[in-house]
C-alpha cells in the first residue's frame, strides 16, 4: 500500500497516470487471442475461438463422399445446418406512447410466447403470462377549482342526494408514438450450427478474462465465441485522453468488432455496463442479433454520469485509494469474501485498470438515447440474469427491465452477486445454454388477443413475460 501511495504522489507531481495498461503480446496464439485495430492507434485484444467442424466439399454434398465413415459426420453437420434455417415465426407488434407528463403506455398486440426453458433448481418450469404493472400513481389533483368540472350535487327537498355525473376527462395528446409491426424468426442455436456466434462484453474495470469459464464451456460445445477487451482494459491499448472512453467511442469500437466477426445468427452476452453496448448493437442490427443475455445490467434508463461520485476525484487520488477500491469491490461484487474470491480478483488481467481509465469510464457514461422507449423497441428475446446478493444493481431495476422489454425472461440466482458468472459458473453456463437452445412453441399461442390490450390507457401497462412460481 505504501508503494501505491508513493506512485500516487508521483502521479500528482508529474501529471501522468501510473500503471497504464498496454497491449500484451500473446505468447500462446493457439488460445485464440487476436489484436484488432478498430481505429488508427486504437487496438483491442480479442479472444476468438473457432470450433473445429468437418469441412463439407461439393462432392460430399452431392453424395460422392468417402467411405471411411466421414460421410456420417458430414450428413450430421448438414442436418444441423438445415435445422438452423428453421424456427418459429413470431409476430412482434406493439404500440408505445409517451405523454407529456412523462407517462409511458405500451400496448402489446402481437404474439404471446409460451416458454418452456429456464428450469429452476427444483425442476419447475416458468410459464409465460400477462403481467399488469402500475407505471405511476398519477392522479389529476388540481390546485385550484376547475371551471369545467362538474358542479357539486344539489340536495333535493326530500333529503335525497342524486349522484353527480362523472367528470369529463380531457383527451390527452401524446408527445410521441412508436409503432412496431414486424416478424421475427426465433430458432434454437446449437454449437454445431456454423451460422451462430457468441459475443461476450464485460463492464467497467473488467476484461475478457472474467468470461473464462463461459468461453471454455461454450467453445467445448462447438460454439464460436468472441470476447473483446474494452479500450483501457485487459490487454487493449489505453489512450491517455478522456474522450476515448465515452459510451459512443466504446460503442463504435464494439460495432467494428461485431461487423468483423458477426455470423447470420449472433447472441450477445453482456455484464453490467456491457449490457448497454449489447442493447445498442441489438437496436442497430435487429436482423443479425438473434438473442441477448443481460447479466446484472440494471434498469432501462438513459445513462448519465454521477457528479457526486468518488470517481470524480483526480486520478492520482484514485491511485492512492486503489487498495480501498479493490476491497470495496470485493465486498460489493461477490456474495462471499473468501480465498476463492480474492484469487478471482488477482488472476490474469481480470481487473487490471488504471485509475485514469476508471475515472474516464465512469465520467463517460452518457447515453441519453437509451431510455425506456429505446428498450421497448427491441423485439429480440432477452434473458435477464440477476444475482440476488448484488449490491451494485438492485433487484427492482432488472424487474423493471423485464417489464419494459417485449420478450424477456428474468432468472434470479440466489447465491450469486454482481460477478455471478465467476461465482456460479456452472449455474450460469447451464442457464445460458438452455436459453440458446430454446425455441418458442407457437402451437400453444393464445388465440385471444384481449389479454394484451390496455384496460386503462392512463395507468396500466400490459407486458408479456414469464413469472417465477
Protein backbone atom coordinates (compact mmCIF):
# COMPACT_ATOMS: atom_id res chain seq x y z
CA UNK A 1 0.00 0.00 0.00
CA UNK A 2 2.96 2.32 0.68
CA UNK A 3 4.11 1.75 -2.89
CA UNK A 4 0.67 2.66 -4.17
CA UNK A 5 0.62 5.92 -2.20
CA UNK A 6 4.12 6.79 -3.43
CA UNK A 7 3.12 6.18 -7.05
CA UNK A 8 0.04 8.35 -6.49
CA UNK A 9 2.16 11.24 -5.20
CA UNK A 10 4.49 10.92 -8.20
CA UNK A 11 1.41 10.87 -10.44
CA UNK A 12 0.24 14.19 -8.94
CA UNK A 13 3.68 15.77 -9.28
CA UNK A 14 4.37 14.64 -12.85
CA UNK A 15 0.81 14.90 -14.12
CA UNK A 16 0.99 11.43 -15.65
CA UNK A 17 -1.16 8.46 -14.79
CA UNK A 18 0.63 5.48 -13.37
CA UNK A 19 0.24 1.88 -14.37
CA UNK A 20 -1.32 2.45 -17.75
CA UNK A 21 -2.46 -0.77 -19.37
CA UNK A 22 -0.51 -1.52 -22.51
CA UNK A 23 -1.16 -4.24 -25.10
CA UNK A 24 0.45 -7.55 -24.33
CA UNK A 25 1.80 -9.89 -26.96
CA UNK A 26 0.14 -13.25 -26.77
CA UNK A 27 2.72 -15.93 -26.17
CA UNK A 28 0.16 -18.63 -26.95
CA UNK A 29 -1.55 -17.80 -30.24
CA UNK A 30 -3.30 -21.15 -30.12
CA UNK A 31 -5.53 -19.81 -27.35
CA UNK A 32 -7.28 -17.64 -29.92
CA UNK A 33 -6.06 -14.19 -28.85
CA UNK A 34 -6.02 -11.58 -31.58
CA UNK A 35 -5.27 -7.85 -31.67
CA UNK A 36 -7.68 -5.84 -33.81
CA UNK A 37 -7.06 -2.21 -34.76
CA UNK A 38 -10.54 -0.68 -34.70
CA UNK A 39 -9.12 2.80 -35.36
CA UNK A 40 -5.62 4.08 -36.07
CA UNK A 41 -3.65 3.57 -32.87
CA UNK A 42 -6.65 2.02 -31.09
CA UNK A 43 -6.07 -1.71 -30.68
CA UNK A 44 -8.33 -4.13 -28.84
CA UNK A 45 -7.42 -7.60 -27.66
CA UNK A 46 -10.00 -10.16 -28.75
CA UNK A 47 -10.27 -13.80 -27.83
CA UNK A 48 -11.73 -15.60 -30.82
CA UNK A 49 -12.21 -19.35 -30.63
CA UNK A 50 -13.36 -21.12 -33.78
CA UNK A 51 -14.51 -24.71 -33.23
CA UNK A 52 -13.24 -27.48 -35.44
CA UNK A 53 -16.01 -28.65 -37.72
CA UNK A 54 -15.86 -31.16 -40.61
CA UNK A 55 -15.20 -29.49 -43.95
CA UNK A 56 -18.03 -30.10 -46.41
CA UNK A 57 -16.93 -30.39 -50.06
CA UNK A 58 -19.08 -30.27 -53.17
CA UNK A 59 -18.64 -33.99 -53.82
CA UNK A 60 -19.76 -34.84 -50.28
CA UNK A 61 -22.81 -32.62 -50.67
CA UNK A 62 -23.66 -34.44 -53.92
CA UNK A 63 -23.40 -37.81 -52.16
CA UNK A 64 -19.98 -38.80 -53.55
CA UNK A 65 -18.09 -38.67 -50.28
CA UNK A 66 -15.55 -41.10 -48.90
CA UNK A 67 -16.48 -44.46 -47.47
CA UNK A 68 -14.30 -44.20 -44.38
CA UNK A 69 -17.14 -43.11 -42.12
CA UNK A 70 -16.70 -39.37 -42.58
CA UNK A 71 -19.90 -39.19 -44.62
CA UNK A 72 -21.93 -39.71 -41.46
CA UNK A 73 -20.28 -36.70 -39.87
CA UNK A 74 -20.91 -34.63 -42.98
CA UNK A 75 -24.55 -35.69 -43.16
CA UNK A 76 -24.94 -34.85 -39.48
CA UNK A 77 -23.49 -31.39 -39.98
CA UNK A 78 -25.73 -30.82 -42.99
CA UNK A 79 -28.78 -31.81 -40.97
CA UNK A 80 -27.76 -29.39 -38.22
CA UNK A 81 -27.35 -26.60 -40.78
CA UNK A 82 -30.80 -27.36 -42.18
CA UNK A 83 -32.19 -27.22 -38.64
CA UNK A 84 -30.66 -23.79 -38.15
CA UNK A 85 -32.67 -22.49 -41.09
CA UNK A 86 -35.96 -23.38 -39.40
CA UNK A 87 -37.61 -21.76 -36.43
CA UNK A 88 -40.80 -20.24 -35.13
CA UNK A 89 -42.07 -17.04 -36.70
CA UNK A 90 -43.26 -14.57 -34.09
CA UNK A 91 -45.39 -11.53 -34.79
CA UNK A 92 -43.87 -8.59 -32.93
CA UNK A 93 -46.44 -5.83 -32.71
CA UNK A 94 -46.76 -3.18 -30.06
CA UNK A 95 -47.68 0.48 -29.72
CA UNK A 96 -45.54 2.69 -27.49
CA UNK A 97 -46.98 6.04 -26.41
CA UNK A 98 -45.22 8.70 -24.38
CA UNK A 99 -47.31 11.51 -22.88
CA UNK A 100 -46.17 14.97 -21.93
CA UNK A 101 -46.26 14.18 -18.23
CA UNK A 102 -43.61 11.51 -18.81
CA UNK A 103 -46.01 8.59 -18.61
CA UNK A 104 -45.28 5.58 -20.80
CA UNK A 105 -48.06 3.36 -22.15
CA UNK A 106 -47.32 0.18 -24.09
CA UNK A 107 -49.86 -1.96 -25.94
CA UNK A 108 -48.78 -5.48 -26.88
CA UNK A 109 -50.79 -6.54 -29.92
CA UNK A 110 -48.71 -9.40 -31.28
CA UNK A 111 -47.97 -12.98 -30.30
CA UNK A 112 -47.57 -14.25 -26.77
CA UNK A 113 -44.60 -16.54 -26.18
CA UNK A 114 -45.10 -19.60 -24.03
CA UNK A 115 -41.66 -20.54 -22.76
CA UNK A 116 -40.58 -23.99 -21.66
CA UNK A 117 -36.98 -23.02 -20.93
CA UNK A 118 -35.04 -22.00 -17.89
CA UNK A 119 -35.74 -24.76 -15.41
CA UNK A 120 -35.41 -23.69 -11.80
CA UNK A 121 -33.18 -25.61 -9.43
CA UNK A 122 -36.22 -27.54 -8.19
CA UNK A 123 -37.12 -28.54 -11.73
CA UNK A 124 -40.21 -26.34 -12.06
CA UNK A 125 -40.90 -24.64 -15.36
CA UNK A 126 -41.66 -20.98 -15.80
CA UNK A 127 -44.94 -20.31 -17.59
CA UNK A 128 -45.40 -17.23 -19.72
CA UNK A 129 -48.19 -14.99 -18.56
CA UNK A 130 -49.51 -11.49 -18.87
CA UNK A 131 -48.49 -9.12 -16.09
CA UNK A 132 -50.07 -5.79 -15.28
CA UNK A 133 -47.69 -3.13 -13.99
CA UNK A 134 -48.68 0.19 -12.49
CA UNK A 135 -46.39 2.74 -14.07
CA UNK A 136 -47.19 5.73 -11.90
CA UNK A 137 -49.60 6.89 -9.24
CA UNK A 138 -50.66 9.69 -11.49
CA UNK A 139 -53.84 11.43 -10.39
CA UNK A 140 -55.27 14.69 -11.57
CA UNK A 141 -55.33 16.83 -8.43
CA UNK A 142 -55.86 20.46 -9.50
CA UNK A 143 -54.60 23.04 -7.02
CA UNK A 144 -57.42 25.41 -7.95
CA UNK A 145 -61.07 24.73 -8.80
CA UNK A 146 -61.56 23.67 -12.39
CA UNK A 147 -64.21 25.79 -14.09
CA UNK A 148 -65.06 22.87 -16.38
CA UNK A 149 -65.53 20.44 -13.54
CA UNK A 150 -68.94 19.05 -12.69
CA UNK A 151 -70.93 21.05 -10.11
CA UNK A 152 -71.42 19.55 -6.65
CA UNK A 153 -74.59 17.60 -6.10
CA UNK A 154 -77.60 19.67 -5.03
CA UNK A 155 -79.63 18.11 -2.23
CA UNK A 156 -83.25 17.52 -3.11
CA UNK A 157 -86.07 18.84 -0.93
CA UNK A 158 -86.81 15.32 0.25
CA UNK A 159 -83.27 14.86 1.54
CA UNK A 160 -82.21 12.53 -1.25
CA UNK A 161 -78.82 13.04 -2.90
CA UNK A 162 -78.65 12.45 -6.62
CA UNK A 163 -75.31 11.08 -7.85
CA UNK A 164 -73.20 13.61 -9.65
CA UNK A 165 -72.44 12.94 -13.30
CA UNK A 166 -68.98 11.51 -14.00
CA UNK A 167 -66.34 14.17 -14.63
CA UNK A 168 -65.34 14.78 -18.20
CA UNK A 169 -61.85 13.55 -19.00
CA UNK A 170 -59.73 15.83 -21.04
CA UNK A 171 -58.30 13.99 -24.03
CA UNK A 172 -54.57 13.95 -23.74
CA UNK A 173 -52.34 14.36 -26.73
CA UNK A 174 -49.34 12.03 -26.85
CA UNK A 175 -45.93 13.57 -27.09
CA UNK A 176 -44.52 10.64 -29.06
CA UNK A 177 -45.90 7.43 -30.53
CA UNK A 178 -43.87 4.49 -31.83
CA UNK A 179 -45.45 1.68 -33.84
CA UNK A 180 -43.68 -1.71 -34.11
CA UNK A 181 -45.02 -4.32 -36.52
CA UNK A 182 -42.58 -6.95 -37.73
CA UNK A 183 -41.96 -10.67 -38.00
CA UNK A 184 -39.06 -12.37 -36.23
CA UNK A 185 -37.91 -15.95 -36.62
CA UNK A 186 -36.63 -17.40 -33.33
CA UNK A 187 -34.79 -20.69 -33.55
CA UNK A 188 -32.64 -22.98 -31.45
CA UNK A 189 -28.94 -22.10 -31.60
CA UNK A 190 -26.75 -25.17 -31.22
CA UNK A 191 -22.99 -25.36 -31.07
CA UNK A 192 -22.96 -27.41 -34.26
CA UNK A 193 -24.60 -24.59 -36.22
CA UNK A 194 -21.94 -22.81 -38.25
CA UNK A 195 -24.02 -19.62 -38.53
CA UNK A 196 -24.08 -18.95 -34.77
CA UNK A 197 -21.59 -16.73 -32.92
CA UNK A 198 -21.50 -15.71 -29.25
CA UNK A 199 -20.24 -12.25 -28.24
CA UNK A 200 -19.25 -11.60 -24.62
CA UNK A 201 -18.93 -7.96 -23.45
CA UNK A 202 -17.59 -7.07 -19.99
CA UNK A 203 -18.24 -3.94 -17.95
CA UNK A 204 -16.21 -1.22 -16.23
CA UNK A 205 -12.99 -2.41 -14.64
CA UNK A 206 -13.18 -5.94 -16.02
CA UNK A 207 -11.73 -7.72 -19.03
CA UNK A 208 -12.44 -10.70 -21.21
CA UNK A 209 -10.84 -12.87 -18.51
CA UNK A 210 -13.99 -12.62 -16.39
CA UNK A 211 -15.66 -14.79 -19.05
CA UNK A 212 -13.06 -17.55 -18.74
CA UNK A 213 -15.49 -20.24 -17.59
CA UNK A 214 -18.08 -19.31 -20.21
CA UNK A 215 -15.59 -19.15 -23.09
CA UNK A 216 -14.16 -22.58 -22.27
CA UNK A 217 -17.59 -24.14 -21.70
CA UNK A 218 -19.24 -22.96 -24.90
CA UNK A 219 -16.20 -23.44 -27.12
CA UNK A 220 -16.10 -27.08 -25.99
CA UNK A 221 -19.75 -27.37 -27.05
CA UNK A 222 -18.79 -26.22 -30.54
CA UNK A 223 -19.85 -22.57 -30.37
CA UNK A 224 -17.77 -19.84 -31.98
CA UNK A 225 -17.04 -17.34 -29.21
CA UNK A 226 -15.75 -13.76 -29.39
CA UNK A 227 -14.79 -11.72 -26.33
CA UNK A 228 -13.04 -8.32 -26.63
CA UNK A 229 -11.23 -6.21 -24.06
CA UNK A 230 -12.68 -2.70 -23.98
CA UNK A 231 -10.25 0.14 -24.55
CA UNK A 232 -8.05 0.63 -21.49
CA UNK A 233 -8.99 -2.78 -20.09
CA UNK A 234 -7.16 -6.09 -20.06
CA UNK A 235 -4.54 -6.05 -22.79
CA UNK A 236 -6.10 -3.43 -25.09
CA UNK A 237 -4.43 -0.07 -25.65
CA UNK A 238 -5.23 2.67 -23.15
CA UNK A 239 -5.33 6.12 -24.81
CA UNK A 240 -4.49 8.90 -22.36
CA UNK A 241 -7.47 11.02 -23.34
CA UNK A 242 -10.84 11.00 -21.62
CA UNK A 243 -12.78 11.25 -24.88
CA UNK A 244 -11.59 7.75 -25.79
CA UNK A 245 -13.78 6.24 -23.06
CA UNK A 246 -17.17 7.79 -23.69
CA UNK A 247 -20.10 5.50 -24.36
CA UNK A 248 -20.19 6.42 -28.02
CA UNK A 249 -16.46 5.84 -28.53
CA UNK A 250 -16.63 2.41 -26.92
CA UNK A 251 -19.84 1.57 -28.80
CA UNK A 252 -18.14 2.29 -32.11
CA UNK A 253 -15.26 0.01 -31.09
CA UNK A 254 -17.70 -2.81 -30.44
CA UNK A 255 -19.54 -2.06 -33.66
CA UNK A 256 -16.29 -2.66 -35.53
CA UNK A 257 -15.68 -5.91 -33.64
CA UNK A 258 -19.25 -7.06 -34.29
CA UNK A 259 -19.08 -6.32 -38.02
CA UNK A 260 -15.78 -8.17 -38.25
CA UNK A 261 -16.87 -11.41 -36.57
CA UNK A 262 -20.67 -11.47 -36.96
CA UNK A 263 -22.43 -14.51 -38.41
CA UNK A 264 -26.02 -14.93 -39.55
CA UNK A 265 -27.35 -15.53 -36.01
CA UNK A 266 -25.49 -13.77 -33.23
CA UNK A 267 -26.08 -13.93 -29.49
CA UNK A 268 -24.87 -11.04 -27.32
CA UNK A 269 -23.98 -11.63 -23.67
CA UNK A 270 -23.27 -8.51 -21.62
CA UNK A 271 -22.41 -7.86 -17.98
CA UNK A 272 -23.09 -4.64 -16.07
CA UNK A 273 -22.04 -1.71 -18.30
CA UNK A 274 -21.54 -4.18 -21.15
CA UNK A 275 -25.32 -4.68 -21.25
CA UNK A 276 -25.73 -1.15 -22.61
CA UNK A 277 -23.44 -1.96 -25.54
CA UNK A 278 -25.35 -5.17 -26.25
CA UNK A 279 -28.58 -3.16 -26.25
CA UNK A 280 -27.01 -0.68 -28.66
CA UNK A 281 -25.94 -3.43 -31.07
CA UNK A 282 -29.30 -5.21 -30.86
CA UNK A 283 -31.04 -1.95 -31.72
CA UNK A 284 -28.65 -1.18 -34.58
CA UNK A 285 -28.62 -4.69 -36.09
CA UNK A 286 -32.01 -6.32 -35.37
CA UNK A 287 -31.65 -8.80 -38.24
CA UNK A 288 -28.24 -10.06 -37.09
CA UNK A 289 -28.80 -10.20 -33.32
CA UNK A 290 -30.79 -13.37 -32.60
CA UNK A 291 -30.84 -13.38 -28.78
CA UNK A 292 -29.42 -11.28 -25.94
CA UNK A 293 -28.36 -12.09 -22.38
CA UNK A 294 -28.20 -9.27 -19.80
CA UNK A 295 -26.35 -10.12 -16.58
CA UNK A 296 -26.87 -7.59 -13.77
CA UNK A 297 -27.37 -4.81 -16.28
CA UNK A 298 -29.77 -2.58 -14.38
CA UNK A 299 -32.92 -0.81 -15.47
CA UNK A 300 -33.96 0.59 -18.87
CA UNK A 301 -32.84 4.14 -18.13
CA UNK A 302 -30.73 6.61 -20.05
CA UNK A 303 -27.13 6.78 -18.86
CA UNK A 304 -25.90 9.90 -17.14
CA UNK A 305 -22.68 10.19 -15.08
CA UNK A 306 -22.99 11.00 -11.42
CA UNK A 307 -21.41 14.30 -10.38
CA UNK A 308 -21.14 13.25 -6.72
CA UNK A 309 -19.17 10.06 -7.25
CA UNK A 310 -15.81 9.10 -5.81
CA UNK A 311 -14.65 8.54 -9.38
CA UNK A 312 -14.81 12.29 -9.99
CA UNK A 313 -11.68 12.67 -7.84
CA UNK A 314 -8.33 13.25 -9.59
CA UNK A 315 -6.64 10.17 -10.99
CA UNK A 316 -3.71 10.47 -8.58
CA UNK A 317 -6.08 10.41 -5.61
CA UNK A 318 -7.85 7.37 -7.04
CA UNK A 319 -4.48 5.70 -7.44
CA UNK A 320 -3.81 6.17 -3.73
CA UNK A 321 -7.25 4.73 -2.98
CA UNK A 322 -6.72 1.66 -5.17
CA UNK A 323 -6.44 -0.80 -2.24
CA UNK A 324 -9.63 0.59 -0.69
CA UNK A 325 -11.46 0.43 -4.01
CA UNK A 326 -10.37 -3.16 -4.53
CA UNK A 327 -11.56 -4.11 -1.05
CA UNK A 328 -14.89 -2.33 -1.59
CA UNK A 329 -15.39 -4.10 -4.91
CA UNK A 330 -14.66 -7.45 -3.27
CA UNK A 331 -17.29 -6.73 -0.61
CA UNK A 332 -19.94 -5.49 -3.03
CA UNK A 333 -19.20 -7.58 -6.11
CA UNK A 334 -19.05 -11.03 -4.51
CA UNK A 335 -21.51 -12.72 -2.21
CA UNK A 336 -18.61 -14.21 -0.24
CA UNK A 337 -15.21 -12.76 0.51
CA UNK A 338 -13.14 -15.92 0.86
CA UNK A 339 -9.84 -17.02 -0.60
CA UNK A 340 -11.53 -18.14 -3.83
CA UNK A 341 -12.99 -14.71 -4.48
CA UNK A 342 -9.71 -12.97 -3.70
CA UNK A 343 -7.97 -15.28 -6.16
CA UNK A 344 -10.52 -14.42 -8.82
CA UNK A 345 -9.65 -10.75 -8.41
CA UNK A 346 -5.93 -11.41 -8.80
CA UNK A 347 -5.88 -13.92 -11.63
CA UNK A 348 -4.68 -12.67 -15.03
CA UNK A 349 -5.67 -9.18 -16.14
CA UNK A 350 -9.25 -9.58 -14.99
CA UNK A 351 -9.33 -6.25 -13.12
CA UNK A 352 -6.13 -4.53 -14.26
CA UNK A 353 -7.38 -0.99 -14.98
CA UNK A 354 -5.56 2.28 -14.35
CA UNK A 355 -7.20 4.99 -12.20
CA UNK A 356 -7.28 7.34 -15.19
CA UNK A 357 -9.20 4.83 -17.31
CA UNK A 358 -11.54 4.05 -14.43
CA UNK A 359 -12.30 7.74 -13.88
CA UNK A 360 -12.80 8.38 -17.62
CA UNK A 361 -15.09 5.35 -17.96
CA UNK A 362 -17.35 6.47 -15.13
CA UNK A 363 -17.44 10.06 -16.39
CA UNK A 364 -18.15 8.98 -19.97
CA UNK A 365 -21.34 7.05 -19.22
CA UNK A 366 -23.59 9.46 -21.08
CA UNK A 367 -26.23 7.87 -23.33
CA UNK A 368 -29.48 9.86 -23.36
CA UNK A 369 -31.00 7.75 -26.16
CA UNK A 370 -31.02 4.59 -24.07
CA UNK A 371 -34.29 5.30 -22.27
CA UNK A 372 -37.35 3.11 -21.72
CA UNK A 373 -38.71 3.71 -25.21
CA UNK A 374 -35.38 2.66 -26.72
CA UNK A 375 -35.51 -0.62 -24.80
CA UNK A 376 -39.21 -1.14 -25.52
CA UNK A 377 -38.46 -1.05 -29.25
CA UNK A 378 -36.33 -4.22 -29.01
CA UNK A 379 -38.01 -7.32 -30.44
CA UNK A 380 -35.21 -9.79 -29.73
CA UNK A 381 -35.71 -12.44 -26.99
CA UNK A 382 -33.73 -11.44 -23.90
CA UNK A 383 -32.64 -13.42 -20.86
CA UNK A 384 -32.10 -11.36 -17.70
CA UNK A 385 -29.80 -12.91 -15.08
CA UNK A 386 -29.64 -11.28 -11.65
CA UNK A 387 -27.52 -12.16 -8.63
CA UNK A 388 -29.65 -11.90 -5.51
CA UNK A 389 -26.74 -10.54 -3.42
CA UNK A 390 -25.80 -7.84 -5.94
CA UNK A 391 -25.11 -4.55 -4.13
CA UNK A 392 -24.49 -2.56 -7.32
CA UNK A 393 -27.71 -3.32 -9.20
CA UNK A 394 -30.96 -3.51 -7.18
CA UNK A 395 -33.40 -6.27 -7.97
CA UNK A 396 -36.18 -3.85 -8.90
CA UNK A 397 -34.09 -2.43 -11.75
CA UNK A 398 -33.88 -5.80 -13.51
CA UNK A 399 -37.56 -6.33 -12.81
CA UNK A 400 -38.33 -3.01 -14.42
CA UNK A 401 -36.23 -4.05 -17.41
CA UNK A 402 -38.22 -7.27 -17.74
CA UNK A 403 -41.47 -5.30 -17.68
CA UNK A 404 -40.44 -2.93 -20.45
CA UNK A 405 -38.96 -5.49 -22.86
CA UNK A 406 -41.21 -7.33 -25.29
CA UNK A 407 -39.85 -10.88 -24.81
CA UNK A 408 -37.90 -11.11 -21.55
CA UNK A 409 -37.19 -13.93 -19.11
CA UNK A 410 -35.87 -12.98 -15.67
CA UNK A 411 -33.89 -15.52 -13.63
CA UNK A 412 -32.52 -14.84 -10.16
CA UNK A 413 -29.55 -16.77 -8.78
CA UNK A 414 -29.82 -16.67 -5.02
CA UNK A 415 -26.18 -17.48 -4.22
CA UNK A 416 -24.78 -15.03 -6.76
CA UNK A 417 -23.82 -11.37 -6.62
CA UNK A 418 -22.63 -8.84 -9.20
CA UNK A 419 -19.93 -11.17 -10.57
CA UNK A 420 -22.35 -14.10 -10.72
CA UNK A 421 -20.74 -15.65 -13.83
CA UNK A 422 -17.47 -16.00 -11.86
CA UNK A 423 -19.10 -17.07 -8.59
CA UNK A 424 -21.57 -19.60 -10.04
CA UNK A 425 -20.12 -20.55 -13.45
CA UNK A 426 -21.90 -23.91 -13.72
CA UNK A 427 -25.31 -22.42 -12.95
CA UNK A 428 -24.83 -19.53 -15.36
CA UNK A 429 -23.46 -21.76 -18.14
CA UNK A 430 -26.41 -24.15 -17.86
CA UNK A 431 -28.89 -21.28 -17.82
CA UNK A 432 -27.35 -19.62 -20.87
CA UNK A 433 -27.16 -22.89 -22.78
CA UNK A 434 -30.85 -23.60 -22.19
CA UNK A 435 -31.67 -20.14 -23.46
CA UNK A 436 -29.55 -20.64 -26.58
CA UNK A 437 -31.33 -23.92 -27.34
CA UNK A 438 -34.79 -22.51 -26.60
CA UNK A 439 -37.29 -22.11 -29.40
CA UNK A 440 -40.84 -20.80 -28.82
CA UNK A 441 -43.72 -23.22 -29.10
CA UNK A 442 -46.19 -21.29 -31.19
CA UNK A 443 -48.73 -24.13 -31.18
CA UNK A 444 -49.65 -23.05 -27.66
CA UNK A 445 -50.26 -19.49 -28.77
CA UNK A 446 -53.37 -17.87 -27.34
CA UNK A 447 -55.99 -17.29 -29.98
CA UNK A 448 -57.43 -14.44 -27.95
CA UNK A 449 -55.65 -11.11 -28.09
CA UNK A 450 -57.80 -9.42 -25.48
CA UNK A 451 -55.36 -10.21 -22.68
CA UNK A 452 -52.73 -8.00 -24.31
CA UNK A 453 -54.90 -4.92 -24.75
CA UNK A 454 -54.81 -1.96 -22.46
CA UNK A 455 -57.67 -1.83 -20.00
CA UNK A 456 -56.69 1.51 -18.61
CA UNK A 457 -54.86 3.76 -21.05
CA UNK A 458 -53.86 6.12 -18.26
CA UNK A 459 -52.07 3.94 -15.76
CA UNK A 460 -51.79 0.30 -16.80
CA UNK A 461 -49.11 -1.36 -18.90
CA UNK A 462 -49.59 -4.97 -20.03
CA UNK A 463 -46.38 -6.83 -20.80
CA UNK A 464 -45.80 -10.47 -21.68
CA UNK A 465 -43.10 -12.01 -19.52
CA UNK A 466 -42.60 -15.20 -17.52
CA UNK A 467 -43.13 -15.15 -13.79
CA UNK A 468 -41.37 -17.42 -11.32
CA UNK A 469 -43.65 -19.82 -9.48
